[in-house]
Every structure is written in structure tokens, then in C-alpha cells.
């Protein structure tokens, strides 16, 4: 973290400078936490997408016809693999929506994926 101005000037900070320094520190901590959450969600989505593609291909479906996650989920749900209970598909849809909100914040008011 960069030094504060009072540290560079080797002086006692004002109350206002301490206040802003504390809030900058909290902001940086929050930013790291949010960055970690976004990275985790995106990594999980990539892994899940790859598994759904493998499932589609294993059942003779051309995964290129299922570009969007919601379409992959619908088709995988039709396959109904015994390893995946039906409520999981609903959960994956919700997770996909969260991932889209994190990755595309400008799309918050648009339709869910």
C-alpha cells in the first residue's frame, strides 16, 4: 500500500486524514473480498460449463448448439443423469444468474440467464 501524505512528510496526521486512511483501508479490503468472490464464481462457472459440455457430448448432443448456459442446463436436465438430482439444475440456473450479475453488472435489469 502506498504511503500516506503525512508519512511522507513525517508529521502527525489530522483526524480527517486518519478518517480517510481508515476508509481507504476498508475499501481496499472490501475490493479484495469482492474480487475473490467474482474470481471464485467465474472459475466455478467454467468448470460447470465444461462438465455440461462433456455430458452433452457423451449423450450425442452437439454442444455447439447450446452456446448459452441456460440452454445447456435445459438440455442436460432432459438427459437426467442419475448423478445429478433435478433440484441441482435449478441451483445451477441461479448460480449462472449470479455469475452473470458479477461478470456483466450493466445487465442487471436484463433477463436472467
N, C-alpha and C. Protein backbone atom coordinates (compact mmCIF):
# COMPACT_ATOMS: atom_id res chain seq x y z
N UNK A 1 0.84 -1.17 0.00
CA UNK A 1 0.00 0.00 0.00
C UNK A 1 0.90 1.24 0.00
N UNK A 2 0.49 2.24 -0.75
CA UNK A 2 1.25 3.48 -0.83
C UNK A 2 1.23 4.20 0.51
N UNK A 3 2.28 4.93 0.75
CA UNK A 3 2.35 5.70 1.99
C UNK A 3 1.39 6.88 1.94
N UNK A 4 0.91 7.23 3.11
CA UNK A 4 0.04 8.39 3.25
C UNK A 4 0.90 9.65 3.20
N UNK A 5 0.27 10.76 2.88
CA UNK A 5 0.99 12.02 2.73
C UNK A 5 1.71 12.41 4.02
N UNK A 6 1.04 12.19 5.17
CA UNK A 6 1.68 12.57 6.44
C UNK A 6 2.88 11.69 6.76
N UNK A 7 2.85 10.45 6.24
CA UNK A 7 4.00 9.57 6.42
C UNK A 7 5.17 10.07 5.59
N UNK A 8 4.87 10.51 4.37
CA UNK A 8 5.92 11.05 3.51
C UNK A 8 6.49 12.35 4.08
N UNK A 9 5.60 13.15 4.65
CA UNK A 9 6.03 14.43 5.22
C UNK A 9 6.56 14.28 6.64
N UNK A 10 6.47 13.06 7.17
CA UNK A 10 6.93 12.74 8.53
C UNK A 10 6.32 13.68 9.57
N UNK A 11 4.97 13.70 9.57
CA UNK A 11 4.25 14.54 10.52
C UNK A 11 3.08 13.76 11.11
N UNK A 12 2.47 14.32 12.13
CA UNK A 12 1.31 13.71 12.78
C UNK A 12 0.09 13.97 11.88
N UNK A 13 -0.69 12.92 11.58
CA UNK A 13 -1.85 13.11 10.72
C UNK A 13 -2.99 13.83 11.42
N UNK A 14 -3.82 14.48 10.63
CA UNK A 14 -5.01 15.12 11.18
C UNK A 14 -6.08 14.05 11.38
N UNK A 15 -7.13 14.39 12.12
CA UNK A 15 -8.23 13.45 12.32
C UNK A 15 -8.87 13.10 10.98
N UNK A 16 -9.01 14.09 10.13
CA UNK A 16 -9.61 13.87 8.80
C UNK A 16 -8.75 12.91 7.97
N UNK A 17 -7.45 13.09 8.00
CA UNK A 17 -6.55 12.20 7.26
C UNK A 17 -6.64 10.77 7.79
N UNK A 18 -6.72 10.63 9.10
CA UNK A 18 -6.88 9.29 9.70
C UNK A 18 -8.21 8.67 9.29
N UNK A 19 -9.26 9.48 9.29
CA UNK A 19 -10.59 9.01 8.89
C UNK A 19 -10.54 8.47 7.46
N UNK A 20 -10.00 9.26 6.54
CA UNK A 20 -9.93 8.82 5.14
C UNK A 20 -9.00 7.63 4.95
N UNK A 21 -7.93 7.58 5.70
CA UNK A 21 -7.00 6.45 5.61
C UNK A 21 -7.69 5.16 6.04
N UNK A 22 -8.47 5.24 7.12
CA UNK A 22 -9.21 4.07 7.59
C UNK A 22 -10.23 3.61 6.56
N UNK A 23 -10.93 4.54 5.95
CA UNK A 23 -11.93 4.18 4.95
C UNK A 23 -11.29 3.64 3.67
N UNK A 24 -10.15 4.16 3.30
CA UNK A 24 -9.41 3.62 2.15
C UNK A 24 -8.99 2.17 2.42
N UNK A 25 -8.55 1.94 3.66
CA UNK A 25 -8.15 0.57 4.05
C UNK A 25 -9.34 -0.38 3.96
N UNK A 26 -10.50 0.04 4.49
CA UNK A 26 -11.71 -0.80 4.42
C UNK A 26 -12.13 -1.02 2.97
N UNK A 27 -12.05 0.03 2.17
CA UNK A 27 -12.39 -0.08 0.75
C UNK A 27 -11.51 -1.12 0.07
N UNK A 28 -10.20 -1.04 0.31
CA UNK A 28 -9.26 -2.00 -0.29
C UNK A 28 -9.56 -3.43 0.14
N UNK A 29 -9.91 -3.60 1.42
CA UNK A 29 -10.25 -4.95 1.93
C UNK A 29 -11.53 -5.46 1.28
N UNK A 30 -12.54 -4.59 1.17
CA UNK A 30 -13.79 -4.98 0.52
C UNK A 30 -13.57 -5.31 -0.95
N UNK A 31 -12.76 -4.51 -1.60
CA UNK A 31 -12.46 -4.75 -3.01
C UNK A 31 -11.79 -6.11 -3.20
N UNK A 32 -10.85 -6.45 -2.35
CA UNK A 32 -10.18 -7.76 -2.45
C UNK A 32 -11.19 -8.89 -2.23
N UNK A 33 -12.07 -8.71 -1.24
CA UNK A 33 -13.08 -9.75 -0.96
C UNK A 33 -14.00 -9.94 -2.16
N UNK A 34 -14.46 -8.83 -2.75
CA UNK A 34 -15.34 -8.91 -3.91
C UNK A 34 -14.59 -9.52 -5.10
N UNK A 35 -13.35 -9.10 -5.30
CA UNK A 35 -12.55 -9.69 -6.38
C UNK A 35 -12.43 -11.20 -6.21
N UNK A 36 -12.19 -11.65 -4.98
CA UNK A 36 -12.07 -13.09 -4.71
C UNK A 36 -13.39 -13.81 -4.99
N UNK A 37 -14.52 -13.17 -4.61
CA UNK A 37 -15.83 -13.79 -4.86
C UNK A 37 -16.08 -13.90 -6.37
N UNK A 38 -15.79 -12.86 -7.10
CA UNK A 38 -16.00 -12.87 -8.55
C UNK A 38 -15.14 -13.94 -9.20
N UNK A 39 -13.88 -13.99 -8.81
CA UNK A 39 -12.98 -14.99 -9.39
C UNK A 39 -13.46 -16.40 -9.08
N UNK A 40 -13.90 -16.64 -7.86
CA UNK A 40 -14.40 -17.96 -7.48
C UNK A 40 -15.64 -18.33 -8.30
N UNK A 41 -16.57 -17.39 -8.43
CA UNK A 41 -17.80 -17.65 -9.20
C UNK A 41 -17.48 -17.93 -10.66
N UNK A 42 -16.58 -17.16 -11.24
CA UNK A 42 -16.24 -17.36 -12.65
C UNK A 42 -15.52 -18.69 -12.88
N UNK A 43 -14.61 -19.04 -11.97
CA UNK A 43 -13.91 -20.32 -12.09
C UNK A 43 -14.89 -21.48 -11.98
N UNK A 44 -15.81 -21.40 -11.03
CA UNK A 44 -16.80 -22.46 -10.85
C UNK A 44 -17.66 -22.58 -12.10
N UNK A 45 -18.06 -21.46 -12.68
CA UNK A 45 -18.87 -21.48 -13.89
C UNK A 45 -18.14 -22.16 -15.04
N UNK A 46 -16.86 -21.88 -15.19
CA UNK A 46 -16.07 -22.50 -16.26
C UNK A 46 -16.04 -24.01 -16.08
N UNK A 47 -15.79 -24.46 -14.86
CA UNK A 47 -15.74 -25.91 -14.59
C UNK A 47 -17.09 -26.56 -14.86
N UNK A 48 -18.16 -25.94 -14.40
CA UNK A 48 -19.51 -26.48 -14.60
C UNK A 48 -19.85 -26.51 -16.08
N UNK A 49 -19.53 -25.45 -16.80
CA UNK A 49 -19.79 -25.40 -18.26
C UNK A 49 -19.08 -26.56 -18.96
N UNK A 50 -17.83 -26.79 -18.59
CA UNK A 50 -17.07 -27.89 -19.22
C UNK A 50 -17.70 -29.24 -18.92
N UNK A 51 -18.18 -29.42 -17.69
CA UNK A 51 -18.82 -30.68 -17.33
C UNK A 51 -20.13 -30.88 -18.10
N UNK A 52 -20.89 -29.81 -18.27
CA UNK A 52 -22.14 -29.91 -19.03
C UNK A 52 -21.85 -30.21 -20.50
N UNK A 53 -20.82 -29.60 -21.05
CA UNK A 53 -20.43 -29.88 -22.44
C UNK A 53 -20.06 -31.36 -22.58
N UNK A 54 -19.29 -31.86 -21.62
CA UNK A 54 -18.91 -33.28 -21.65
C UNK A 54 -20.14 -34.18 -21.56
N UNK A 55 -21.09 -33.82 -20.71
CA UNK A 55 -22.32 -34.60 -20.58
C UNK A 55 -23.12 -34.58 -21.88
N UNK A 56 -23.24 -33.41 -22.47
CA UNK A 56 -23.97 -33.31 -23.75
C UNK A 56 -23.32 -34.17 -24.82
N UNK A 57 -22.00 -34.05 -24.93
CA UNK A 57 -21.29 -34.81 -25.96
C UNK A 57 -21.36 -36.32 -25.70
N UNK A 58 -21.31 -36.71 -24.42
CA UNK A 58 -21.41 -38.13 -24.07
C UNK A 58 -22.77 -38.71 -24.45
N UNK A 59 -23.78 -37.85 -24.56
CA UNK A 59 -25.12 -38.30 -24.94
C UNK A 59 -25.47 -37.91 -26.37
N UNK A 60 -24.43 -37.70 -27.18
CA UNK A 60 -24.63 -37.49 -28.61
C UNK A 60 -25.18 -36.13 -29.00
N UNK A 61 -25.14 -35.17 -28.09
CA UNK A 61 -25.61 -33.82 -28.44
C UNK A 61 -24.41 -33.00 -28.90
N UNK A 62 -24.61 -32.16 -29.89
CA UNK A 62 -23.56 -31.27 -30.35
C UNK A 62 -23.58 -30.03 -29.46
N UNK A 63 -22.57 -29.89 -28.63
CA UNK A 63 -22.55 -28.80 -27.65
C UNK A 63 -22.51 -27.42 -28.30
N UNK A 64 -22.14 -27.35 -29.57
CA UNK A 64 -22.12 -26.07 -30.27
C UNK A 64 -23.52 -25.50 -30.44
N UNK A 65 -24.54 -26.35 -30.34
CA UNK A 65 -25.92 -25.89 -30.44
C UNK A 65 -26.45 -25.31 -29.13
N UNK A 66 -25.62 -25.40 -28.08
CA UNK A 66 -26.04 -24.94 -26.76
C UNK A 66 -25.02 -23.94 -26.22
N UNK A 67 -24.99 -22.78 -26.84
CA UNK A 67 -23.98 -21.77 -26.51
C UNK A 67 -24.20 -21.18 -25.11
N UNK A 68 -25.43 -20.81 -24.80
CA UNK A 68 -25.71 -20.17 -23.52
C UNK A 68 -25.90 -21.21 -22.42
N UNK A 69 -25.52 -20.83 -21.22
CA UNK A 69 -25.61 -21.73 -20.07
C UNK A 69 -27.04 -22.24 -19.87
N UNK A 70 -28.03 -21.35 -19.99
CA UNK A 70 -29.41 -21.78 -19.75
C UNK A 70 -29.82 -22.88 -20.72
N UNK A 71 -29.33 -22.82 -21.96
CA UNK A 71 -29.66 -23.87 -22.93
C UNK A 71 -28.95 -25.18 -22.59
N UNK A 72 -27.72 -25.10 -22.12
CA UNK A 72 -27.01 -26.31 -21.69
C UNK A 72 -27.75 -26.96 -20.53
N UNK A 73 -28.16 -26.12 -19.57
CA UNK A 73 -28.86 -26.64 -18.39
C UNK A 73 -30.16 -27.33 -18.82
N UNK A 74 -30.94 -26.69 -19.68
CA UNK A 74 -32.20 -27.29 -20.14
C UNK A 74 -31.96 -28.64 -20.79
N UNK A 75 -30.96 -28.71 -21.66
CA UNK A 75 -30.70 -29.97 -22.36
C UNK A 75 -30.15 -31.03 -21.42
N UNK A 76 -29.25 -30.65 -20.53
CA UNK A 76 -28.71 -31.61 -19.56
C UNK A 76 -29.81 -32.12 -18.64
N UNK A 77 -30.73 -31.23 -18.29
CA UNK A 77 -31.86 -31.62 -17.44
C UNK A 77 -32.71 -32.68 -18.14
N UNK A 78 -32.88 -32.54 -19.47
CA UNK A 78 -33.63 -33.54 -20.24
C UNK A 78 -32.93 -34.89 -20.22
N UNK A 79 -31.60 -34.86 -20.27
CA UNK A 79 -30.82 -36.10 -20.23
C UNK A 79 -31.04 -36.81 -18.90
N UNK A 80 -31.20 -36.02 -17.83
CA UNK A 80 -31.50 -36.53 -16.49
C UNK A 80 -30.49 -37.57 -16.02
N UNK A 81 -29.21 -37.18 -15.92
CA UNK A 81 -28.22 -38.15 -15.44
C UNK A 81 -28.49 -38.51 -13.98
N UNK A 82 -28.34 -39.76 -13.60
CA UNK A 82 -28.66 -40.17 -12.23
C UNK A 82 -27.76 -39.52 -11.18
N UNK A 83 -26.58 -39.07 -11.58
CA UNK A 83 -25.65 -38.46 -10.63
C UNK A 83 -26.10 -37.05 -10.21
N UNK A 84 -27.00 -36.46 -10.98
CA UNK A 84 -27.42 -35.09 -10.72
C UNK A 84 -28.93 -35.08 -10.45
N UNK A 85 -29.31 -34.74 -9.23
CA UNK A 85 -30.73 -34.69 -8.90
C UNK A 85 -31.35 -33.45 -9.53
N UNK A 86 -32.63 -33.51 -9.83
CA UNK A 86 -33.32 -32.43 -10.53
C UNK A 86 -33.18 -31.05 -9.86
N UNK A 87 -33.24 -30.93 -8.53
CA UNK A 87 -33.10 -29.60 -7.92
C UNK A 87 -31.74 -28.93 -8.22
N UNK A 88 -30.73 -29.72 -8.52
CA UNK A 88 -29.41 -29.17 -8.83
C UNK A 88 -29.47 -28.29 -10.08
N UNK A 89 -30.29 -28.68 -11.05
CA UNK A 89 -30.39 -27.88 -12.28
C UNK A 89 -30.95 -26.49 -11.98
N UNK A 90 -31.90 -26.42 -11.06
CA UNK A 90 -32.44 -25.12 -10.65
C UNK A 90 -31.35 -24.30 -9.95
N UNK A 91 -30.58 -24.96 -9.10
CA UNK A 91 -29.48 -24.30 -8.41
C UNK A 91 -28.45 -23.78 -9.41
N UNK A 92 -28.12 -24.58 -10.41
CA UNK A 92 -27.16 -24.14 -11.43
C UNK A 92 -27.69 -22.93 -12.20
N UNK A 93 -28.98 -22.89 -12.43
CA UNK A 93 -29.57 -21.72 -13.09
C UNK A 93 -29.40 -20.48 -12.23
N UNK A 94 -29.63 -20.61 -10.95
CA UNK A 94 -29.45 -19.47 -10.03
C UNK A 94 -27.97 -19.05 -9.97
N UNK A 95 -27.08 -20.03 -9.92
CA UNK A 95 -25.65 -19.73 -9.90
C UNK A 95 -25.22 -19.02 -11.18
N UNK A 96 -25.77 -19.43 -12.29
CA UNK A 96 -25.47 -18.79 -13.57
C UNK A 96 -25.94 -17.34 -13.55
N UNK A 97 -27.10 -17.11 -12.97
CA UNK A 97 -27.62 -15.74 -12.86
C UNK A 97 -26.68 -14.89 -12.02
N UNK A 98 -26.21 -15.43 -10.88
CA UNK A 98 -25.28 -14.69 -10.02
C UNK A 98 -23.99 -14.40 -10.78
N UNK A 99 -23.48 -15.40 -11.47
CA UNK A 99 -22.26 -15.20 -12.25
C UNK A 99 -22.45 -14.10 -13.28
N UNK A 100 -23.58 -14.08 -13.94
CA UNK A 100 -23.85 -13.04 -14.94
C UNK A 100 -23.92 -11.66 -14.29
N UNK A 101 -24.52 -11.59 -13.11
CA UNK A 101 -24.60 -10.31 -12.41
C UNK A 101 -23.21 -9.81 -12.04
N UNK A 102 -22.33 -10.73 -11.63
CA UNK A 102 -20.97 -10.34 -11.28
C UNK A 102 -20.14 -9.96 -12.51
N UNK A 103 -20.30 -10.74 -13.57
CA UNK A 103 -19.47 -10.52 -14.76
C UNK A 103 -19.99 -9.41 -15.66
N UNK A 104 -21.29 -9.17 -15.63
CA UNK A 104 -21.91 -8.19 -16.52
C UNK A 104 -22.82 -7.26 -15.71
N UNK A 105 -22.26 -6.42 -14.85
CA UNK A 105 -23.12 -5.60 -13.98
C UNK A 105 -24.05 -4.67 -14.74
N UNK A 106 -23.73 -4.31 -15.95
CA UNK A 106 -24.62 -3.43 -16.71
C UNK A 106 -25.88 -4.16 -17.16
N UNK A 107 -25.89 -5.47 -17.03
CA UNK A 107 -27.04 -6.27 -17.47
C UNK A 107 -28.00 -6.56 -16.32
N UNK A 108 -27.85 -5.93 -15.19
CA UNK A 108 -28.64 -6.25 -14.01
C UNK A 108 -30.14 -6.19 -14.25
N UNK A 109 -30.58 -5.33 -15.12
CA UNK A 109 -32.02 -5.21 -15.35
C UNK A 109 -32.50 -6.07 -16.51
N UNK A 110 -31.60 -6.74 -17.19
CA UNK A 110 -31.99 -7.57 -18.32
C UNK A 110 -32.44 -8.95 -17.86
N UNK A 111 -32.88 -9.75 -18.78
CA UNK A 111 -33.39 -11.09 -18.46
C UNK A 111 -32.29 -11.94 -17.85
N UNK A 112 -32.71 -12.85 -16.98
CA UNK A 112 -31.78 -13.77 -16.33
C UNK A 112 -31.37 -14.85 -17.32
N UNK A 113 -30.07 -15.33 -17.15
CA UNK A 113 -29.55 -16.43 -17.99
C UNK A 113 -29.97 -17.75 -17.37
